[in-house]
């Protein structure tokens, strides 16, 4: 299967600097951070951002985040930044999000418009009979800033849902990283149903809240806004990043265990070019392939209740022993230890 849709990369300049980056800049200004110091090394000038014409790359955005974290030196920066993100002030896309009829419509729009709403982390949604799961995967080579972005993105969704629904929702939070020293910021901005070292960054919610009608939904105006937002997205020329497209392709072909050469062919490039592009994002093919297999294995364990042997067969391992060895390399845990972890959560 060839991937025919275009994508953006870490150095693609498409993020409007007066949208999400400006929210972080304003947060820093509110705490008396000098804009020249904040923008140092990013190739940006505050006067140009005010003009509303500058577009920056994910790499530049990450540089701005790095400067903000270093200069602010505050444990609540990511959470306060997240509170400013959604629905945001991003033209028709934000209007459409604000006028969504329920949480499911809002999250589907968030995913469809992720290049506008979440260009550094790609949100993904799946549902089982009882719960909805929203999780994020790195789409631009976030590296050491991954935790900051996860904290901001989760806060953004929780704050948006609270505002548009008119009440707090019973979210459960799973984080791939260990419990941080500033966990009280999680309590204040997210809630107390927190689970760390969970292998994935996931928001979980009882499924009935997905279709609960929101009080300020506007069907007619929302329909027009969504049409305008689709044109806004079309003008970018892409919907997702290279890493996001590769994740989806690997997920669709996970049972075939595709090679680097097969992936490169699917993306209509040479293996050397694909390796170079992945290296630009601070990653490599094996890491991306293992990430997808890990996520699929976690889904089969936690949601489907598969055994080691069944997952090994599903992922085309020669035997369960080889699968257990690989699983421990992906997660740092044996399958049995992970099952106990899930049971405590």
Protein backbone atom coordinates (compact mmCIF):
# COMPACT_ATOMS: atom_id res chain seq x y z
CA UNK A 1 0.00 0.00 0.00
CA UNK A 2 1.49 3.33 -1.09
CA UNK A 3 0.99 6.42 1.07
CA UNK A 4 -0.26 9.03 -1.40
CA UNK A 5 -1.08 11.84 1.00
CA UNK A 6 1.56 14.50 1.73
CA UNK A 7 2.88 15.26 5.19
CA UNK A 8 4.88 17.81 7.14
CA UNK A 9 8.29 17.29 8.72
CA UNK A 10 10.20 18.80 11.64
CA UNK A 11 11.55 21.64 9.51
CA UNK A 12 8.32 22.43 7.61
CA UNK A 13 7.24 26.01 8.26
CA UNK A 14 3.46 25.96 8.59
CA UNK A 15 2.61 26.73 12.26
CA UNK A 16 1.15 30.22 12.56
CA UNK A 17 3.36 31.93 15.14
CA UNK A 18 0.44 34.10 16.34
CA UNK A 19 -1.60 30.99 17.27
CA UNK A 20 -0.24 28.43 19.74
CA UNK A 21 3.32 29.81 19.95
CA UNK A 22 1.84 33.20 20.85
CA UNK A 23 -0.06 31.61 23.75
CA UNK A 24 3.27 30.47 25.22
CA UNK A 25 4.86 33.85 24.53
CA UNK A 26 2.00 35.65 26.30
CA UNK A 27 2.32 33.31 29.27
CA UNK A 28 6.02 34.16 29.51
CA UNK A 29 5.33 37.90 29.15
CA UNK A 30 2.79 37.69 31.98
CA UNK A 31 5.67 36.51 34.17
CA UNK A 32 7.97 39.34 33.11
CA UNK A 33 10.15 37.32 30.73
CA UNK A 34 11.88 39.49 28.13
CA UNK A 35 10.78 38.55 24.59
CA UNK A 36 14.30 38.89 23.16
CA UNK A 37 15.60 36.27 25.59
CA UNK A 38 12.54 34.10 25.02
CA UNK A 39 13.00 34.07 21.23
CA UNK A 40 16.79 33.77 21.23
CA UNK A 41 17.98 31.03 18.89
CA UNK A 42 14.54 30.43 17.35
CA UNK A 43 15.00 32.71 14.33
CA UNK A 44 11.91 34.69 15.42
CA UNK A 45 11.38 38.34 16.22
CA UNK A 46 8.49 39.55 18.37
CA UNK A 47 7.60 42.37 15.98
CA UNK A 48 7.19 39.87 13.11
CA UNK A 49 4.92 37.67 15.23
CA UNK A 50 2.72 40.69 16.00
CA UNK A 51 2.32 41.25 12.25
CA UNK A 52 0.48 37.92 12.07
CA UNK A 53 2.26 36.59 8.98
CA UNK A 54 5.08 34.43 10.36
CA UNK A 55 4.95 30.64 10.02
CA UNK A 56 7.37 28.50 12.00
CA UNK A 57 8.47 24.88 11.95
CA UNK A 58 7.98 22.27 14.69
CA UNK A 59 11.74 22.57 15.38
CA UNK A 60 11.36 26.31 16.01
CA UNK A 61 8.31 25.73 18.20
CA UNK A 62 10.28 23.20 20.25
CA UNK A 63 13.09 25.73 20.57
CA UNK A 64 10.60 28.26 21.92
CA UNK A 65 9.31 25.67 24.41
CA UNK A 66 12.87 24.94 25.50
CA UNK A 67 13.55 28.63 26.13
CA UNK A 68 10.25 29.10 28.00
CA UNK A 69 10.88 26.15 30.31
CA UNK A 70 14.40 27.34 31.07
CA UNK A 71 13.47 30.99 31.67
CA UNK A 72 10.24 30.46 33.56
CA UNK A 73 11.60 27.68 35.81
CA UNK A 74 8.06 26.89 37.02
CA UNK A 75 6.42 23.50 37.44
CA UNK A 76 3.05 24.79 36.24
CA UNK A 77 4.20 26.18 32.85
CA UNK A 78 2.97 23.26 30.73
CA UNK A 79 -0.40 23.16 32.48
CA UNK A 80 -1.02 26.91 32.19
CA UNK A 81 0.04 26.75 28.54
CA UNK A 82 -2.40 23.87 27.97
CA UNK A 83 -5.28 25.84 29.46
CA UNK A 84 -4.78 28.47 26.74
CA UNK A 85 -4.75 26.07 23.78
CA UNK A 86 -8.33 24.89 23.12
CA UNK A 87 -10.60 25.85 21.52
CA UNK A 88 -8.05 28.61 20.89
CA UNK A 89 -8.18 31.55 18.52
CA UNK A 90 -7.24 29.80 15.29
CA UNK A 91 -9.99 31.04 12.97
CA UNK A 92 -12.72 28.70 11.63
CA UNK A 93 -11.15 25.57 13.17
CA UNK A 94 -11.50 27.02 16.68
CA UNK A 95 -15.03 28.20 15.93
CA UNK A 96 -15.99 24.71 14.80
CA UNK A 97 -14.50 23.19 17.94
CA UNK A 98 -16.31 25.66 20.19
CA UNK A 99 -19.65 24.84 18.53
CA UNK A 100 -19.29 21.03 18.69
CA UNK A 101 -22.39 19.16 19.80
CA UNK A 102 -20.63 16.75 22.16
CA UNK A 103 -17.22 15.47 23.21
CA UNK A 104 -17.02 12.86 20.45
CA UNK A 105 -17.56 15.50 17.77
CA UNK A 106 -14.96 17.74 19.42
CA UNK A 107 -12.32 14.98 19.65
CA UNK A 108 -12.93 13.82 16.08
CA UNK A 109 -12.45 17.42 14.93
CA UNK A 110 -9.32 17.72 17.07
CA UNK A 111 -7.89 14.63 15.36
CA UNK A 112 -8.94 15.67 11.86
CA UNK A 113 -7.44 19.15 12.36
CA UNK A 114 -4.39 17.98 14.34
CA UNK A 115 -1.97 19.86 12.10
CA UNK A 116 -3.66 23.04 13.35
CA UNK A 117 -4.57 22.09 16.92
CA UNK A 118 -1.76 19.73 17.89
CA UNK A 119 1.15 19.90 15.43
CA UNK A 120 3.76 18.43 17.81
CA UNK A 121 1.81 15.48 19.27
CA UNK A 122 -0.77 13.54 17.26
CA UNK A 123 -3.96 12.66 19.17
CA UNK A 124 -5.62 9.30 18.48
CA UNK A 125 -8.96 7.96 19.70
CA UNK A 126 -10.37 4.49 20.09
CA UNK A 127 -13.48 3.17 21.79
CA UNK A 128 -14.42 -0.12 23.40
CA UNK A 129 -17.80 -1.04 24.80
CA UNK A 130 -17.29 0.83 28.06
CA UNK A 131 -14.64 3.51 27.60
CA UNK A 132 -13.13 6.07 25.26
CA UNK A 133 -9.35 6.33 25.09
CA UNK A 134 -7.53 9.39 23.78
CA UNK A 135 -3.78 8.95 23.46
CA UNK A 136 -0.92 10.88 21.90
CA UNK A 137 2.12 9.92 19.85
CA UNK A 138 5.12 12.07 18.98
CA UNK A 139 4.70 13.54 15.51
CA UNK A 140 7.62 15.95 15.18
CA UNK A 141 10.58 14.64 17.16
CA UNK A 142 9.70 16.17 20.53
CA UNK A 143 12.49 14.35 22.35
CA UNK A 144 13.07 15.70 25.86
CA UNK A 145 10.06 18.00 25.55
CA UNK A 146 7.62 15.11 25.23
CA UNK A 147 6.49 15.29 28.86
CA UNK A 148 5.85 19.04 28.64
CA UNK A 149 3.71 18.49 25.55
CA UNK A 150 1.76 15.60 27.09
CA UNK A 151 0.99 17.70 30.18
CA UNK A 152 -0.11 20.61 27.98
CA UNK A 153 -2.22 18.51 25.59
CA UNK A 154 -4.03 16.62 28.35
CA UNK A 155 -4.72 19.87 30.19
CA UNK A 156 -6.02 21.44 26.98
CA UNK A 157 -8.55 18.66 26.36
CA UNK A 158 -9.70 18.50 29.99
CA UNK A 159 -10.13 22.28 30.22
CA UNK A 160 -11.96 22.47 26.89
CA UNK A 161 -14.34 19.63 27.81
CA UNK A 162 -15.07 21.19 31.21
CA UNK A 163 -15.89 24.55 29.62
CA UNK A 164 -18.00 23.27 26.70
CA UNK A 165 -19.87 20.60 28.71
CA UNK A 166 -20.46 22.92 31.66
CA UNK A 167 -19.08 20.50 34.26
CA UNK A 168 -15.94 18.46 35.04
CA UNK A 169 -15.74 14.96 33.57
CA UNK A 170 -14.47 11.81 35.34
CA UNK A 171 -11.21 11.41 33.44
CA UNK A 172 -8.61 8.82 34.30
CA UNK A 173 -5.04 9.77 33.42
CA UNK A 174 -2.28 7.39 32.37
CA UNK A 175 1.26 8.65 31.77
CA UNK A 176 4.20 6.82 30.29
CA UNK A 177 6.67 8.73 32.46
CA UNK A 178 7.37 8.12 36.18
CA UNK A 179 5.61 10.07 38.93
CA UNK A 180 7.16 13.56 38.89
CA UNK A 181 8.29 15.49 41.95
CA UNK A 182 5.69 18.18 41.18
CA UNK A 183 2.69 15.83 41.21
CA UNK A 184 0.62 18.47 43.03
CA UNK A 185 0.41 20.36 39.72
CA UNK A 186 -1.30 17.31 38.22
CA UNK A 187 -3.79 17.29 41.09
CA UNK A 188 -4.58 20.97 40.66
CA UNK A 189 -4.87 21.07 36.87
CA UNK A 190 -6.02 17.55 35.99
CA UNK A 191 -7.37 15.60 38.95
CA UNK A 192 -6.42 12.80 41.31
CA UNK A 193 -7.08 9.69 39.21
CA UNK A 194 -3.46 9.58 38.06
CA UNK A 195 -1.37 6.60 36.99
CA UNK A 196 2.30 6.89 36.09
CA UNK A 197 4.70 4.41 34.46
CA UNK A 198 1.75 3.28 32.33
CA UNK A 199 3.68 2.84 29.05
CA UNK A 200 1.23 5.11 27.20
CA UNK A 201 -0.04 8.68 27.58
CA UNK A 202 -3.81 8.14 27.69
CA UNK A 203 -6.95 9.92 28.79
CA UNK A 204 -9.73 7.45 29.65
CA UNK A 205 -13.40 8.28 30.11
CA UNK A 206 -16.64 6.27 30.44
CA UNK A 207 -18.10 6.12 26.96
CA UNK A 208 -21.49 7.61 27.83
CA UNK A 209 -19.88 11.05 28.25
CA UNK A 210 -18.81 11.05 24.61
CA UNK A 211 -22.32 11.68 23.31
CA UNK A 212 -23.69 13.80 26.14
CA UNK A 213 -25.18 16.92 24.51
CA UNK A 214 -23.27 20.15 25.16
CA UNK A 215 -25.37 23.20 26.10
CA UNK A 216 -23.86 25.73 23.69
CA UNK A 217 -23.75 23.56 20.57
CA UNK A 218 -24.68 25.42 17.37
CA UNK A 219 -25.51 23.05 14.52
CA UNK A 220 -25.91 25.55 11.69
CA UNK A 221 -23.02 27.82 12.62
CA UNK A 222 -20.93 24.76 13.49
CA UNK A 223 -21.55 23.18 10.08
CA UNK A 224 -20.43 26.34 8.30
CA UNK A 225 -17.39 26.64 10.57
CA UNK A 226 -16.38 23.03 9.86
CA UNK A 227 -16.59 23.67 6.11
CA UNK A 228 -14.42 26.76 6.50
CA UNK A 229 -12.03 24.83 8.76
CA UNK A 230 -11.69 22.12 6.11
CA UNK A 231 -10.60 24.81 3.64
CA UNK A 232 -8.23 26.18 6.27
CA UNK A 233 -6.66 22.73 6.63
CA UNK A 234 -6.62 22.17 2.85
CA UNK A 235 -4.64 25.37 2.42
CA UNK A 236 -1.83 23.81 4.46
CA UNK A 237 -1.52 20.99 1.95
CA UNK A 238 -1.40 18.21 4.56
CA UNK A 239 -3.22 16.85 7.59
CA UNK A 240 -0.48 15.00 9.46
CA UNK A 241 3.27 14.63 9.88
CA UNK A 242 5.63 12.07 8.37
CA UNK A 243 5.94 10.32 11.75
CA UNK A 244 2.16 10.30 12.09
CA UNK A 245 1.72 8.83 8.59
CA UNK A 246 4.40 6.22 9.28
CA UNK A 247 2.71 5.28 12.57
CA UNK A 248 -0.62 4.76 10.80
CA UNK A 249 1.02 2.72 8.01
CA UNK A 250 2.90 0.54 10.47
CA UNK A 251 -0.26 0.04 12.52
CA UNK A 252 -2.21 -1.02 9.42
CA UNK A 253 0.55 -3.47 8.45
CA UNK A 254 1.65 -4.57 11.91
CA UNK A 255 0.82 -8.24 11.33
CA UNK A 256 3.17 -8.36 8.31
CA UNK A 257 6.17 -6.97 10.28
CA UNK A 258 7.19 -4.72 7.36
CA UNK A 259 10.84 -3.94 6.73
CA UNK A 260 12.48 -0.54 6.26
CA UNK A 261 12.65 -1.23 2.54
CA UNK A 262 8.92 -1.97 2.37
CA UNK A 263 8.11 1.18 4.33
CA UNK A 264 10.31 3.29 2.07
CA UNK A 265 8.60 1.86 -0.99
CA UNK A 266 5.18 2.65 0.49
CA UNK A 267 6.28 6.27 1.02
CA UNK A 268 7.74 6.43 -2.51
CA UNK A 269 11.30 7.10 -1.40
CA UNK A 270 14.57 5.20 -1.08
CA UNK A 271 15.49 3.46 2.18
CA UNK A 272 18.39 5.91 2.55
CA UNK A 273 16.02 8.89 2.24
CA UNK A 274 13.59 7.47 4.80
CA UNK A 275 16.47 6.79 7.21
CA UNK A 276 17.71 10.38 6.74
CA UNK A 277 14.25 11.86 7.34
CA UNK A 278 13.75 9.80 10.49
CA UNK A 279 17.20 10.77 11.75
CA UNK A 280 16.17 14.43 11.30
CA UNK A 281 13.35 13.71 13.78
CA UNK A 282 15.71 12.11 16.30
CA UNK A 283 14.51 8.58 15.64
CA UNK A 284 15.00 5.55 13.40
CA UNK A 285 12.84 2.93 11.72
CA UNK A 286 13.28 0.20 14.33
CA UNK A 287 12.21 2.58 17.09
CA UNK A 288 9.07 3.57 15.18
CA UNK A 289 8.27 -0.05 14.34
CA UNK A 290 8.75 -1.16 17.94
CA UNK A 291 6.58 1.69 19.21
CA UNK A 292 3.66 0.55 17.09
CA UNK A 293 4.11 -3.12 18.04
CA UNK A 294 4.28 -2.11 21.70
CA UNK A 295 1.06 -0.10 21.42
CA UNK A 296 -0.74 -2.93 19.64
CA UNK A 297 0.47 -5.44 22.24
CA UNK A 298 -0.72 -3.18 25.08
CA UNK A 299 -4.12 -2.88 23.40
CA UNK A 300 -4.41 -6.65 22.97
CA UNK A 301 -3.41 -7.22 26.61
CA UNK A 302 -5.48 -4.56 28.28
CA UNK A 303 -8.54 -4.28 26.06
CA UNK A 304 -8.81 -7.65 24.34
CA UNK A 305 -7.38 -9.86 27.10
CA UNK A 306 -5.09 -11.82 24.75
CA UNK A 307 -2.53 -14.25 26.12
CA UNK A 308 1.19 -14.09 25.38
CA UNK A 309 0.83 -16.84 22.81
CA UNK A 310 -2.07 -15.12 21.06
CA UNK A 311 -0.24 -11.80 20.85
CA UNK A 312 2.93 -13.50 19.64
CA UNK A 313 0.92 -15.17 16.87
CA UNK A 314 -0.91 -11.93 16.02
CA UNK A 315 2.38 -10.03 15.65
CA UNK A 316 4.00 -12.95 13.76
CA UNK A 317 6.69 -13.80 16.28
CA UNK A 318 8.15 -17.26 15.92
CA UNK A 319 7.13 -18.19 19.46
CA UNK A 320 5.99 -16.70 22.77
CA UNK A 321 9.54 -16.68 24.16
CA UNK A 322 10.76 -14.36 21.40
CA UNK A 323 7.74 -12.15 21.95
CA UNK A 324 8.34 -11.92 25.72
CA UNK A 325 11.96 -10.97 25.08
CA UNK A 326 10.94 -8.22 22.66
CA UNK A 327 8.16 -7.01 24.92
CA UNK A 328 10.59 -6.56 27.80
CA UNK A 329 12.89 -4.60 25.48
CA UNK A 330 9.97 -2.31 24.48
CA UNK A 331 8.58 -1.72 27.97
CA UNK A 332 11.21 -2.74 30.54
CA UNK A 333 8.62 -5.17 31.94
CA UNK A 334 7.70 -8.77 31.39
CA UNK A 335 4.14 -9.41 30.12
CA UNK A 336 3.16 -10.89 33.50
CA UNK A 337 4.48 -7.83 35.38
CA UNK A 338 2.59 -5.56 33.01
CA UNK A 339 -0.62 -7.49 33.54
CA UNK A 340 -0.25 -6.95 37.30
CA UNK A 341 0.34 -3.25 36.62
CA UNK A 342 -2.91 -3.02 34.66
CA UNK A 343 -4.82 -4.84 37.38
CA UNK A 344 -3.67 -2.29 39.99
CA UNK A 345 -4.89 0.51 37.69
